[in-house]
Amino acid sequence: MNADNVKAQMRKGILEYCILSILSREDSYAPKIIAELKAAQMIVVEGTLYPILTRQKNQGLLTYRWEESPQGPPRKYYSLSEEGRRTLAQLDESWEELVEQVRAIRYGKKEDNITTVEPIE
């Protein structure tokens, strides 16, 4: 097993969640989103980000507007729609459940000196 490949696949799986999370804090444009992902060591290139942003916009999770830039061409700023906020709330719950499930599998869950694992629904 190639651990780097597994890590890359895990990152791809949560990238859409991370993008919604970034946009929940403030409206942003693609290069700034990429910079924030890179700062968190979630390495992403424009060729990966733009299709996700387009898909999320087409699903009604994002809206966008054009703003003049102090330097260069206008920037396309993305923001969460109400549907995007609802979806993010659902993903937040799913993420917490998933983390608990992985912890139970990885470390086991101790109850009455017996190691048990909660079933995944």
C-alpha atoms as a PDB file:
ATOM      1  CA  MET A   1       0.000   0.000   0.000  1.00  0.00           C
ATOM      2  CA  ASN A   2       1.259   3.437  -0.916  1.00  0.00           C
ATOM      3  CA  ALA A   3       0.496   5.683   2.078  1.00  0.00           C
ATOM      4  CA  ASP A   4       0.929   8.866   0.024  1.00  0.00           C
ATOM      5  CA  ASN A   5      -1.707   7.680  -2.456  1.00  0.00           C
ATOM      6  CA  VAL A   6      -4.126   6.856   0.362  1.00  0.00           C
ATOM      7  CA  LYS A   7      -3.555  10.290   1.913  1.00  0.00           C
ATOM      8  CA  ALA A   8      -4.200  11.958  -1.457  1.00  0.00           C
ATOM      9  CA  GLN A   9      -7.469  10.034  -1.846  1.00  0.00           C
ATOM     10  CA  MET A  10      -8.555  11.018   1.677  1.00  0.00           C
ATOM     11  CA  ARG A  11      -7.848  14.687   0.903  1.00  0.00           C
ATOM     12  CA  LYS A  12      -9.860  14.521  -2.322  1.00  0.00           C
ATOM     13  CA  GLY A  13     -12.761  13.030  -0.396  1.00  0.00           C
ATOM     14  CA  ILE A  14     -13.001  15.952   2.012  1.00  0.00           C
ATOM     15  CA  LEU A  15     -12.017  18.781  -0.314  1.00  0.00           C
ATOM     16  CA  GLU A  16     -15.599  19.846  -1.077  1.00  0.00           C
ATOM     17  CA  TYR A  17     -16.329  19.986   2.656  1.00  0.00           C
ATOM     18  CA  CYS A  18     -13.205  22.104   3.210  1.00  0.00           C
ATOM     19  CA  ILE A  19     -14.190  24.549   0.461  1.00  0.00           C
ATOM     20  CA  LEU A  20     -17.667  25.021   1.947  1.00  0.00           C
ATOM     21  CA  SER A  21     -16.054  25.506   5.361  1.00  0.00           C
ATOM     22  CA  ILE A  22     -13.741  28.235   4.053  1.00  0.00           C
ATOM     23  CA  LEU A  23     -16.638  30.036   2.366  1.00  0.00           C
ATOM     24  CA  SER A  24     -18.739  29.805   5.537  1.00  0.00           C
ATOM     25  CA  ARG A  25     -16.329  32.240   7.208  1.00  0.00           C
ATOM     26  CA  GLU A  26     -16.186  34.801   4.411  1.00  0.00           C
ATOM     27  CA  ASP A  27     -16.752  35.240   0.701  1.00  0.00           C
ATOM     28  CA  SER A  28     -13.630  34.476  -1.272  1.00  0.00           C
ATOM     29  CA  TYR A  29     -12.127  34.084  -4.736  1.00  0.00           C
ATOM     30  CA  ALA A  30     -10.329  31.034  -6.140  1.00  0.00           C
ATOM     31  CA  PRO A  31      -6.655  32.012  -5.619  1.00  0.00           C
ATOM     32  CA  LYS A  32      -7.383  32.956  -1.996  1.00  0.00           C
ATOM     33  CA  ILE A  33      -9.206  29.647  -1.426  1.00  0.00           C
ATOM     34  CA  ILE A  34      -6.212  27.791  -2.873  1.00  0.00           C
ATOM     35  CA  ALA A  35      -3.842  29.750  -0.609  1.00  0.00           C
ATOM     36  CA  GLU A  36      -5.912  28.875   2.454  1.00  0.00           C
ATOM     37  CA  LEU A  37      -6.014  25.191   1.504  1.00  0.00           C
ATOM     38  CA  LYS A  38      -2.250  25.199   0.925  1.00  0.00           C
ATOM     39  CA  ALA A  39      -1.650  26.922   4.269  1.00  0.00           C
ATOM     40  CA  ALA A  40      -3.507  24.012   5.880  1.00  0.00           C
ATOM     41  CA  GLN A  41      -1.324  21.618   3.852  1.00  0.00           C
ATOM     42  CA  MET A  42      -4.259  20.563   1.662  1.00  0.00           C
ATOM     43  CA  ILE A  43      -2.320  21.046  -1.568  1.00  0.00           C
ATOM     44  CA  VAL A  44      -4.680  21.932  -4.412  1.00  0.00           C
ATOM     45  CA  VAL A  45      -4.202  23.365  -7.889  1.00  0.00           C
ATOM     46  CA  GLU A  46      -6.587  25.531  -9.898  1.00  0.00           C
ATOM     47  CA  GLY A  47      -7.409  22.598 -12.173  1.00  0.00           C
ATOM     48  CA  THR A  48      -8.841  20.790  -9.147  1.00  0.00           C
ATOM     49  CA  LEU A  49     -10.595  23.739  -7.514  1.00  0.00           C
ATOM     50  CA  TYR A  50     -12.518  25.263 -10.428  1.00  0.00           C
ATOM     51  CA  PRO A  51     -14.518  22.114 -11.312  1.00  0.00           C
ATOM     52  CA  ILE A  52     -15.519  21.742  -7.656  1.00  0.00           C
ATOM     53  CA  LEU A  53     -16.615  25.385  -7.424  1.00  0.00           C
ATOM     54  CA  THR A  54     -18.614  24.996 -10.648  1.00  0.00           C
ATOM     55  CA  ARG A  55     -20.255  21.790  -9.410  1.00  0.00           C
ATOM     56  CA  GLN A  56     -21.133  23.373  -6.059  1.00  0.00           C
ATOM     57  CA  LYS A  57     -22.562  26.428  -7.835  1.00  0.00           C
ATOM     58  CA  ASN A  58     -24.638  24.196 -10.146  1.00  0.00           C
ATOM     59  CA  GLN A  59     -25.943  22.306  -7.090  1.00  0.00           C
ATOM     60  CA  GLY A  60     -27.137  25.596  -5.624  1.00  0.00           C
ATOM     61  CA  LEU A  61     -24.610  25.550  -2.774  1.00  0.00           C
ATOM     62  CA  LEU A  62     -22.744  28.674  -3.910  1.00  0.00           C
ATOM     63  CA  THR A  63     -23.457  31.988  -5.526  1.00  0.00           C
ATOM     64  CA  TYR A  64     -20.918  34.383  -6.975  1.00  0.00           C
ATOM     65  CA  ARG A  65     -20.430  38.005  -7.852  1.00  0.00           C
ATOM     66  CA  TRP A  66     -17.775  39.931  -9.734  1.00  0.00           C
ATOM     67  CA  GLU A  67     -15.766  42.602  -7.907  1.00  0.00           C
ATOM     68  CA  GLU A  68     -13.172  44.991  -9.241  1.00  0.00           C
ATOM     69  CA  SER A  69      -9.669  44.135  -8.112  1.00  0.00           C
ATOM     70  CA  PRO A  70      -7.187  46.752  -6.906  1.00  0.00           C
ATOM     71  CA  GLN A  71      -4.719  45.058  -9.237  1.00  0.00           C
ATOM     72  CA  GLY A  72      -5.579  43.123 -12.379  1.00  0.00           C
ATOM     73  CA  PRO A  73      -8.936  41.968 -13.747  1.00  0.00           C
ATOM     74  CA  PRO A  74     -12.171  41.696 -11.717  1.00  0.00           C
ATOM     75  CA  ARG A  75     -12.391  38.786  -9.278  1.00  0.00           C
ATOM     76  CA  LYS A  76     -15.193  36.247  -9.010  1.00  0.00           C
ATOM     77  CA  TYR A  77     -16.148  36.061  -5.326  1.00  0.00           C
ATOM     78  CA  TYR A  78     -17.964  32.932  -4.159  1.00  0.00           C
ATOM     79  CA  SER A  79     -20.315  32.807  -1.200  1.00  0.00           C
ATOM     80  CA  LEU A  80     -22.473  30.149   0.421  1.00  0.00           C
ATOM     81  CA  SER A  81     -26.151  30.129  -0.452  1.00  0.00           C
ATOM     82  CA  GLU A  82     -28.754  29.165   2.159  1.00  0.00           C
ATOM     83  CA  GLU A  83     -28.723  25.668   0.653  1.00  0.00           C
ATOM     84  CA  GLY A  84     -24.949  25.666   1.018  1.00  0.00           C
ATOM     85  CA  ARG A  85     -25.236  26.561   4.697  1.00  0.00           C
ATOM     86  CA  ARG A  86     -27.749  23.751   5.261  1.00  0.00           C
ATOM     87  CA  THR A  87     -25.522  21.299   3.414  1.00  0.00           C
ATOM     88  CA  LEU A  88     -22.485  22.390   5.419  1.00  0.00           C
ATOM     89  CA  ALA A  89     -24.397  21.847   8.669  1.00  0.00           C
ATOM     90  CA  GLN A  90     -25.254  18.316   7.525  1.00  0.00           C
ATOM     91  CA  LEU A  91     -21.635  17.691   6.542  1.00  0.00           C
ATOM     92  CA  ASP A  92     -20.470  18.978   9.939  1.00  0.00           C
ATOM     93  CA  GLU A  93     -22.657  16.334  11.619  1.00  0.00           C
ATOM     94  CA  SER A  94     -21.475  13.634   9.222  1.00  0.00           C
ATOM     95  CA  TRP A  95     -17.847  14.596   9.823  1.00  0.00           C
ATOM     96  CA  GLU A  96     -18.228  14.320  13.610  1.00  0.00           C
ATOM     97  CA  GLU A  97     -19.907  10.918  13.242  1.00  0.00           C
ATOM     98  CA  LEU A  98     -17.180   9.718  10.893  1.00  0.00           C
ATOM     99  CA  VAL A  99     -14.406  10.842  13.239  1.00  0.00           C
ATOM    100  CA  GLU A 100     -16.069   8.959  16.108  1.00  0.00           C
ATOM    101  CA  GLN A 101     -16.493   5.840  13.972  1.00  0.00           C
ATOM    102  CA  VAL A 102     -12.861   5.880  12.856  1.00  0.00           C
ATOM    103  CA  ARG A 103     -11.693   6.385  16.445  1.00  0.00           C
ATOM    104  CA  ALA A 104     -13.820   3.439  17.563  1.00  0.00           C
ATOM    105  CA  ILE A 105     -12.348   1.255  14.836  1.00  0.00           C
ATOM    106  CA  ARG A 106      -8.798   2.449  15.326  1.00  0.00           C
ATOM    107  CA  TYR A 107      -8.675   2.428  19.111  1.00  0.00           C
ATOM    108  CA  GLY A 108     -11.741   0.472  20.182  1.00  0.00           C
ATOM    109  CA  LYS A 109     -14.341   1.736  22.595  1.00  0.00           C
ATOM    110  CA  LYS A 110     -13.957   0.636  26.203  1.00  0.00           C
ATOM    111  CA  GLU A 111     -17.090  -0.139  28.217  1.00  0.00           C
ATOM    112  CA  ASP A 112     -17.043  -2.232  31.383  1.00  0.00           C
ATOM    113  CA  ASN A 113     -13.523  -3.465  30.582  1.00  0.00           C
ATOM    114  CA  ILE A 114     -14.766  -4.895  27.281  1.00  0.00           C
ATOM    115  CA  THR A 115     -13.634  -3.411  23.998  1.00  0.00           C
ATOM    116  CA  THR A 116     -16.617  -2.799  21.742  1.00  0.00           C
ATOM    117  CA  VAL A 117     -17.119  -1.041  18.465  1.00  0.00           C
ATOM    118  CA  GLU A 118     -20.324   0.792  17.566  1.00  0.00           C
ATOM    119  CA  PRO A 119     -21.938  -0.403  14.315  1.00  0.00           C
ATOM    120  CA  ILE A 120     -21.750   1.922  11.332  1.00  0.00           C
ATOM    121  CA  GLU A 121     -25.164   2.811  10.006  1.00  0.00           C
END
